[in-house]
Protein backbone atom coordinates (compact mmCIF):
# COMPACT_ATOMS: atom_id res chain seq x y z
CA MET A 1 -10.10 8.59 -12.29
CA ILE A 2 -9.48 5.12 -13.77
CA VAL A 3 -8.00 3.98 -16.89
CA ARG A 4 -7.95 0.30 -17.55
CA PRO A 5 -6.57 0.30 -21.27
CA ASP A 6 -6.31 -2.77 -23.73
CA LEU A 7 -2.39 -3.65 -23.69
CA ALA A 8 -2.08 -2.30 -27.81
CA LEU A 9 -4.00 1.06 -26.49
CA ILE A 10 -1.42 2.04 -24.17
CA PRO A 11 1.05 3.48 -26.51
CA LEU A 12 -1.87 6.05 -27.74
CA LEU A 13 -3.13 6.34 -24.06
CA LEU A 14 0.74 7.71 -22.82
CA THR A 15 0.49 10.00 -26.03
CA GLY A 16 -2.70 11.38 -24.58
CA HIS A 17 -1.15 11.59 -20.87
CA LEU A 18 2.09 13.05 -22.35
CA ALA A 19 -0.45 15.94 -23.95
CA LEU A 20 -1.89 16.49 -20.30
CA ALA A 21 1.77 16.08 -18.75
CA ALA A 22 2.15 19.94 -19.58
CA ASP A 23 -0.46 21.07 -17.49
CA ASN A 24 -0.05 18.51 -14.09
CA GLN A 25 2.72 16.13 -14.19
CA ILE A 26 3.24 14.02 -11.04
CA ALA A 27 6.52 15.13 -11.03
CA PRO A 28 8.97 17.04 -13.25
CA GLY A 29 9.18 15.00 -16.79
CA LEU A 30 6.74 12.09 -15.38
CA ALA A 31 3.04 11.96 -16.88
CA SER A 32 2.09 9.16 -15.63
CA VAL A 33 3.19 5.88 -14.20
CA ALA A 34 1.91 2.09 -15.49
CA VAL A 35 1.10 -0.34 -12.68
CA THR A 36 -0.74 -3.78 -12.97
CA HIS A 37 -3.95 -4.21 -10.87
CA ASN A 38 -6.10 -7.34 -10.52
CA GLY A 39 -4.68 -8.53 -13.65
CA ASP A 40 -5.06 -5.20 -15.60
CA THR A 41 -2.86 -2.34 -16.66
CA VAL A 42 -4.38 0.67 -14.72
CA LEU A 43 -2.06 4.02 -15.40
CA ILE A 44 -1.66 6.28 -12.62
CA ALA A 45 -1.56 10.28 -13.51
CA ARG A 46 -3.20 13.69 -11.66
CA GLY A 47 -6.53 14.70 -12.65
CA ALA A 48 -6.99 17.83 -15.05
CA ASP A 49 -10.16 19.51 -12.71
CA ARG A 50 -7.99 22.07 -11.11
CA HIS A 51 -11.04 22.91 -8.88
CA ALA A 52 -11.14 19.39 -7.50
CA THR A 53 -11.52 18.67 -3.77
CA LEU A 54 -10.43 15.90 -1.57
CA PRO A 55 -13.24 13.31 -0.82
CA GLU A 56 -15.44 14.05 1.50
CA MET A 57 -14.14 11.01 4.03
CA PHE A 58 -10.86 12.54 4.05
CA GLN A 59 -12.37 16.23 4.76
CA LYS A 60 -12.40 16.14 8.32
CA THR A 61 -10.05 17.27 10.22
CA GLU A 62 -10.76 16.59 14.09
CA ARG A 63 -10.66 12.73 15.44
CA GLY A 64 -10.98 11.10 18.51
CA CYS A 65 -7.15 10.17 19.63
CA PRO A 66 -6.87 7.19 20.55
CA PRO A 67 -7.70 5.79 18.10
CA PHE A 68 -6.69 8.39 15.49
CA CYS A 69 -3.88 9.43 16.44
CA VAL A 70 -1.17 10.99 15.18
CA GLN A 71 1.64 9.09 13.92
CA PRO A 72 5.32 9.24 13.90
CA MET A 73 7.57 9.98 11.20
CA GLN A 74 9.54 6.74 12.07
CA VAL A 75 7.41 3.81 12.80
CA VAL A 76 10.21 1.29 13.47
CA ALA A 77 13.32 1.61 14.06
CA GLY A 78 15.17 0.24 10.31
CA VAL A 79 11.73 0.83 8.50
CA ALA A 80 12.21 3.00 5.95
CA THR A 81 9.49 5.99 5.89
CA ILE A 82 8.74 6.61 1.87
CA GLY A 83 6.60 9.19 -0.09
CA GLU A 84 4.22 9.11 -3.13
CA LEU A 85 6.99 8.55 -5.84
CA ASP A 86 8.66 5.86 -3.82
CA VAL A 87 5.56 3.79 -3.52
CA LEU A 88 5.30 4.60 -7.33
CA ASP A 89 8.29 3.43 -8.32
CA TYR A 90 7.65 0.14 -6.57
CA LEU A 91 4.45 -0.21 -8.33
CA SER A 92 6.51 0.14 -11.40
CA ARG A 93 8.90 -2.37 -10.72
CA ILE A 94 5.80 -4.74 -9.82
CA HIS A 95 4.40 -3.58 -13.25
CA GLN A 96 7.50 -4.97 -15.00
CA GLY A 97 7.80 -8.07 -13.32
CA ASP A 98 9.29 -8.13 -10.05
CA ASP A 99 7.72 -10.39 -7.82
CA SER A 100 10.05 -9.83 -4.99
CA ILE A 101 7.76 -6.34 -3.60
CA LEU A 102 4.23 -6.23 -2.42
CA VAL A 103 2.57 -3.02 -1.79
CA ILE A 104 0.01 -3.91 1.05
CA ASP A 105 -3.22 -1.67 1.90
CA SER A 106 -3.43 -2.16 5.33
CA ARG A 107 -6.97 -0.84 6.10
CA THR A 108 -10.30 -3.05 6.71
CA PRO A 109 -12.11 -4.14 3.31
CA ASP A 110 -15.13 -1.36 4.55
CA TRP A 111 -12.14 1.20 3.67
CA VAL A 112 -10.61 -0.29 0.88
CA MET A 113 -14.12 -0.35 -1.23
CA ARG A 114 -14.07 3.08 -1.33
CA GLY A 115 -11.23 3.73 -3.44
CA THR A 116 -7.09 2.15 -2.78
CA ILE A 117 -3.76 2.27 -4.99
CA PRO A 118 -3.85 1.14 -7.87
CA GLY A 119 -1.45 -2.34 -7.68
CA SER A 120 -1.81 -2.47 -4.10
CA ILE A 121 -3.67 -5.69 -2.20
CA ASN A 122 -5.23 -5.37 0.84
CA ILE A 123 -3.99 -7.68 3.79
CA PRO A 124 -6.11 -5.84 6.84
CA TRP A 125 -4.33 -5.28 10.11
CA ASN A 126 -6.83 -7.52 12.01
CA THR A 127 -5.75 -10.39 9.99
CA LEU A 128 -1.80 -10.21 10.81
CA ASN A 129 -3.04 -9.49 14.70
CA THR A 130 -6.45 -10.39 15.64
CA ASP A 131 -5.61 -10.93 18.89
CA PRO A 132 -5.39 -7.45 20.69
CA THR A 133 -2.77 -8.97 23.20
CA GLY A 134 -0.79 -10.24 20.15
CA SER A 135 -0.62 -13.83 21.52
CA LEU A 136 -2.51 -15.36 18.96
CA GLU A 137 -4.08 -17.92 21.22
CA GLN A 138 -6.94 -19.34 18.61
CA PRO A 139 -6.27 -21.52 16.07
CA GLY A 140 -7.95 -19.83 13.73
CA GLU A 141 -5.91 -16.60 14.11
CA ALA A 142 -2.61 -18.11 13.94
CA GLU A 143 -3.93 -20.54 10.76
CA SER A 144 -4.52 -16.97 8.96
CA LEU A 145 -1.54 -15.66 10.02
CA THR A 146 0.72 -19.02 8.87
CA ARG A 147 -0.88 -18.58 5.36
CA ILE A 148 -1.09 -14.75 5.04
CA LEU A 149 3.16 -15.01 5.40
CA THR A 150 3.92 -18.24 3.88
CA GLU A 151 1.42 -17.99 0.39
CA GLN A 152 1.24 -14.15 0.24
CA LEU A 153 4.66 -12.66 1.92
CA GLY A 154 6.91 -15.15 0.39
CA ALA A 155 8.39 -16.49 4.51
CA SER A 156 8.83 -20.33 5.48
CA ARG A 157 9.10 -21.74 8.97
CA ASP A 158 12.20 -23.96 9.99
CA PRO A 159 10.32 -27.74 10.39
CA SER A 160 12.69 -28.45 13.00
CA THR A 161 12.49 -25.12 15.25
CA GLY A 162 9.08 -23.80 14.25
CA GLN A 163 11.03 -20.40 13.71
CA TRP A 164 10.11 -17.90 11.02
CA GLN A 165 12.54 -18.28 8.13
CA PHE A 166 12.69 -14.18 6.28
CA ASP A 167 15.23 -14.99 3.44
CA GLN A 168 13.40 -15.22 0.92
CA ALA A 169 10.42 -13.14 2.02
CA LYS A 170 9.36 -10.16 -0.04
CA THR A 171 10.02 -6.28 0.04
CA LEU A 172 6.66 -4.88 1.21
CA VAL A 173 5.53 -1.03 0.85
CA LEU A 174 2.47 -0.80 3.48
CA PHE A 175 0.37 1.96 4.17
CA CYS A 176 -3.56 2.97 5.65
CA ASN A 177 -5.69 6.10 5.67
CA GLY A 178 -2.99 8.73 6.61
CA ILE A 179 -0.60 10.07 9.14
CA TRP A 180 -4.00 9.60 11.86
CA CYS A 181 -4.11 5.90 10.63
CA ALA A 182 -2.33 2.99 12.73
CA GLN A 183 -3.23 0.26 10.91
CA SER A 184 -0.37 0.17 9.00
CA THR A 185 1.58 0.95 11.87
CA ALA A 186 0.24 -2.67 13.85
CA ASN A 187 0.65 -4.80 10.45
CA ILE A 188 4.37 -3.49 10.79
CA GLU A 189 4.91 -4.11 14.27
CA THR A 190 3.17 -7.36 14.31
CA LEU A 191 5.60 -8.10 11.37
CA VAL A 192 9.06 -6.98 13.17
CA GLY A 193 7.79 -8.86 16.01
CA LEU A 194 8.17 -11.89 14.34
CA GLY A 195 11.49 -11.52 13.51
CA TYR A 196 10.41 -9.97 9.66
CA PRO A 197 13.93 -7.82 8.36
CA VAL A 198 13.34 -4.13 8.77
CA ASP A 199 15.38 -3.58 5.36
CA LYS A 200 12.53 -5.11 3.72
CA LEU A 201 9.66 -3.00 5.35
CA LYS A 202 8.80 0.51 3.91
CA TRP A 203 6.04 2.69 5.20
CA TYR A 204 3.83 5.07 3.29
CA ARG A 205 2.85 7.16 6.21
CA GLY A 206 0.67 9.65 4.19
CA GLY A 207 -1.29 6.86 3.23
CA MET A 208 -4.64 7.67 1.09
CA GLN A 209 -5.29 11.06 2.71
CA ASP A 210 -1.84 12.47 1.26
CA TRP A 211 -2.70 10.30 -2.07
CA VAL A 212 -5.65 11.65 -3.09
CA SER A 213 -4.54 15.45 -1.81
CA VAL A 214 -2.44 15.34 -4.68
CA GLY A 215 -5.69 13.91 -7.22
CA LEU A 216 -3.44 10.27 -8.07
CA THR A 217 -5.59 8.04 -9.60
CA THR A 218 -7.40 5.25 -7.47
CA VAL A 219 -9.50 2.34 -7.97
CA GLN A 220 -12.14 0.66 -6.12
CA PRO A 221 -11.70 -3.29 -5.87
């Protein structure tokens, strides 16, 4: 379900969602969460169809490992693993004007186009680490990484030493397809390797598969 209401209709839509809440809340007392996606207000809620099933792309249970290996509960020491309610809280804070947070879909665009979490932005794992060795020897790769770090993530570089500085960097919430997907894991490992503070990195391990399994709203960018 995708809801892109005009701001004037928000109170009425919230009332409608409260009526639905008696049947299918997100959590006790939480019927919906307003977030901002591409400049529009989107209400994240759960569906009313009690016979709904997982999308076909998430019904598969057998996937080859590698690359589709079960990820650990903790991707890197110090990086918090979070759940759906935590993600909703971060999205709500962004919607309310907190620009120190980004929720990042780490998947490649072909996956994102099938549906993503409202309020997230796409930074594919292979744009942060396009060189499998992590050396970023190609100038284009280094330039792309620099743009992402400075223009999107809020990092800066000391002109005298060339070292990355993250004191003004944003808190990042990263996700991908689920516990069998290593794309957000790769992004986190790359960022930590560059010196990104672990306390500014959060990992939604369940990703899209868990998100859709409980019927939460998705959008197509």
